[in-house]
Amino acid sequence: MNTLIFRTMVGPIVTIMLIFSAFICLRGHNAPGGGFIGGLIAAAAIAVLGIAGGATAARKALRVDPLAIAGFGVVIAALSGLGSMFTGSPFLTSIWAYWPLGETTVPLSTPLVFDIGVYLVVLGTLAAIALVLEEEEGP
């Protein structure tokens, strides 16, 4: 499976997968998708990178330990619920802010921050698992 064509095309494939995973993550709080599905796609991209170049090359491309990414995602997801403390609402109550950007208004919300945290947790956890499995030699 690790052919010259696959190794040559892995860069564009992984790039497209990561862009698509970010798109799915960012649209998830308004439409189908979200942090979990986006994180699955991103972890699959890391797995594809590991299949083509080896687990060591994939870890080098990540630059950060996958479990550190997962831990950072847990922190972000937890922090997204703390904003509700300032409004007297229960933990993880959605809070929306609207940021004017030229002629349009960009809605920012705590569910979006939560989705980003979930994205990082799923990406980090599954990338760590995939890379460990790719490091193991078969019989």
Protein backbone atom coordinates (compact mmCIF):
# COMPACT_ATOMS: atom_id res chain seq x y z
CA MET A 1 0.00 0.00 0.00
CA ASN A 2 2.92 2.36 0.61
CA THR A 3 3.61 3.04 -3.06
CA LEU A 4 5.48 5.90 -4.68
CA ILE A 5 2.19 7.41 -5.87
CA PHE A 6 0.74 7.26 -2.34
CA ARG A 7 3.85 8.84 -0.79
CA THR A 8 3.79 11.56 -3.46
CA MET A 9 0.10 12.40 -2.99
CA VAL A 10 0.02 12.21 0.82
CA GLY A 11 0.80 15.94 1.22
CA PRO A 12 -2.22 17.20 -0.76
CA ILE A 13 -4.46 14.49 0.70
CA VAL A 14 -3.56 15.36 4.30
CA THR A 15 -3.91 19.08 3.60
CA ILE A 16 -7.39 18.64 2.14
CA MET A 17 -8.42 16.39 5.03
CA LEU A 18 -7.23 18.91 7.64
CA ILE A 19 -8.98 21.84 5.93
CA PHE A 20 -12.17 19.80 5.64
CA SER A 21 -11.93 18.76 9.31
CA ALA A 22 -11.65 22.42 10.37
CA PHE A 23 -14.67 23.28 8.19
CA ILE A 24 -16.74 20.48 9.75
CA CYS A 25 -15.69 21.55 13.25
CA LEU A 26 -16.55 25.21 12.73
CA ARG A 27 -19.95 24.61 11.18
CA GLY A 28 -20.99 22.04 13.77
CA HIS A 29 -22.71 24.32 16.25
CA ASN A 30 -25.11 25.55 13.53
CA ALA A 31 -25.40 22.49 11.28
CA PRO A 32 -24.47 18.79 11.26
CA GLY A 33 -20.84 18.28 12.13
CA GLY A 34 -18.91 19.53 15.11
CA GLY A 35 -15.81 18.89 17.10
CA PHE A 36 -16.10 15.13 17.31
CA ILE A 37 -16.50 14.46 13.59
CA GLY A 38 -13.92 17.12 12.70
CA GLY A 39 -11.46 15.56 15.14
CA LEU A 40 -12.03 12.12 13.62
CA ILE A 41 -11.21 13.45 10.15
CA ALA A 42 -8.08 15.23 11.44
CA ALA A 43 -6.92 12.09 13.27
CA ALA A 44 -7.47 10.09 10.08
CA ALA A 45 -5.25 12.60 8.27
CA ILE A 46 -2.49 12.04 10.84
CA ALA A 47 -2.92 8.27 10.45
CA VAL A 48 -2.60 8.59 6.66
CA LEU A 49 0.54 10.66 7.15
CA GLY A 50 1.90 7.96 9.46
CA ILE A 51 1.11 5.20 6.96
CA ALA A 52 2.97 7.03 4.19
CA GLY A 53 6.04 8.22 6.06
CA GLY A 54 6.10 6.26 9.29
CA ALA A 55 5.04 7.15 12.80
CA THR A 56 8.25 9.07 13.50
CA ALA A 57 7.69 11.38 10.51
CA ALA A 58 4.07 11.93 11.55
CA ARG A 59 5.11 12.82 15.12
CA LYS A 60 7.70 15.21 13.71
CA ALA A 61 5.05 16.85 11.51
CA LEU A 62 2.73 17.27 14.52
CA ARG A 63 5.52 18.98 16.51
CA VAL A 64 3.52 18.45 19.72
CA ASP A 65 2.79 15.23 21.59
CA PRO A 66 -0.74 14.08 20.63
CA LEU A 67 -1.69 13.53 24.27
CA ALA A 68 -0.69 17.13 25.04
CA ILE A 69 -3.11 18.21 22.30
CA ALA A 70 -5.83 16.11 23.94
CA GLY A 71 -5.11 17.59 27.37
CA PHE A 72 -5.22 21.12 25.97
CA GLY A 73 -8.58 20.28 24.39
CA VAL A 74 -9.98 19.16 27.75
CA VAL A 75 -8.88 22.46 29.29
CA ILE A 76 -10.49 24.49 26.49
CA ALA A 77 -13.74 22.52 26.71
CA ALA A 78 -13.87 23.03 30.48
CA LEU A 79 -13.08 26.73 30.19
CA SER A 80 -15.95 27.20 27.73
CA GLY A 81 -18.37 26.46 30.56
CA LEU A 82 -16.89 29.00 32.93
CA GLY A 83 -18.24 31.98 30.99
CA SER A 84 -21.71 31.18 32.27
CA MET A 85 -20.53 31.93 35.83
CA PHE A 86 -20.39 35.62 34.96
CA THR A 87 -24.03 35.66 33.89
CA GLY A 88 -25.35 33.67 36.86
CA SER A 89 -26.36 30.80 34.55
CA PRO A 90 -25.69 27.08 35.06
CA PHE A 91 -22.36 25.59 33.93
CA LEU A 92 -22.07 25.19 30.13
CA THR A 93 -24.97 27.53 29.37
CA SER A 94 -24.52 28.96 25.88
CA ILE A 95 -23.35 32.55 25.70
CA TRP A 96 -23.32 34.41 22.39
CA ALA A 97 -21.42 37.53 21.37
CA TYR A 98 -21.60 39.28 18.03
CA TRP A 99 -18.46 40.74 16.52
CA PRO A 100 -18.92 43.31 13.73
CA LEU A 101 -16.61 42.60 10.81
CA GLY A 102 -17.12 45.10 8.01
CA GLU A 103 -20.66 44.80 6.71
CA THR A 104 -21.26 41.42 8.36
CA THR A 105 -21.51 40.29 11.94
CA VAL A 106 -19.66 37.20 13.13
CA PRO A 107 -21.41 35.28 15.92
CA LEU A 108 -19.04 33.92 18.57
CA SER A 109 -20.30 31.46 21.16
CA THR A 110 -19.27 29.20 23.97
CA PRO A 111 -20.58 26.14 22.04
CA LEU A 112 -18.01 26.95 19.35
CA VAL A 113 -15.24 27.05 21.96
CA PHE A 114 -16.52 23.75 23.38
CA ASP A 115 -16.50 22.19 19.89
CA ILE A 116 -12.89 23.30 19.39
CA GLY A 117 -11.98 21.65 22.70
CA VAL A 118 -13.71 18.41 21.68
CA TYR A 119 -11.95 18.59 18.30
CA LEU A 120 -8.56 18.77 20.00
CA VAL A 121 -9.40 15.95 22.45
CA VAL A 122 -10.51 13.60 19.68
CA LEU A 123 -7.59 14.56 17.42
CA GLY A 124 -4.99 14.10 20.15
CA THR A 125 -6.38 10.85 21.54
CA LEU A 126 -6.93 9.09 18.24
CA ALA A 127 -3.69 10.36 16.73
CA ALA A 128 -1.80 8.98 19.74
CA ILE A 129 -3.51 5.61 19.35
CA ALA A 130 -2.92 5.50 15.58
CA LEU A 131 0.75 6.43 15.91
CA VAL A 132 1.39 3.81 18.60
CA LEU A 133 -0.29 1.16 16.43
CA GLU A 134 1.79 2.24 13.43
CA GLU A 135 5.01 1.98 15.49
CA GLU A 136 4.36 -1.66 16.36
CA GLU A 137 5.89 -4.17 14.00
CA GLY A 138 3.79 -7.02 12.67
CA PRO A 139 4.90 -10.69 12.83
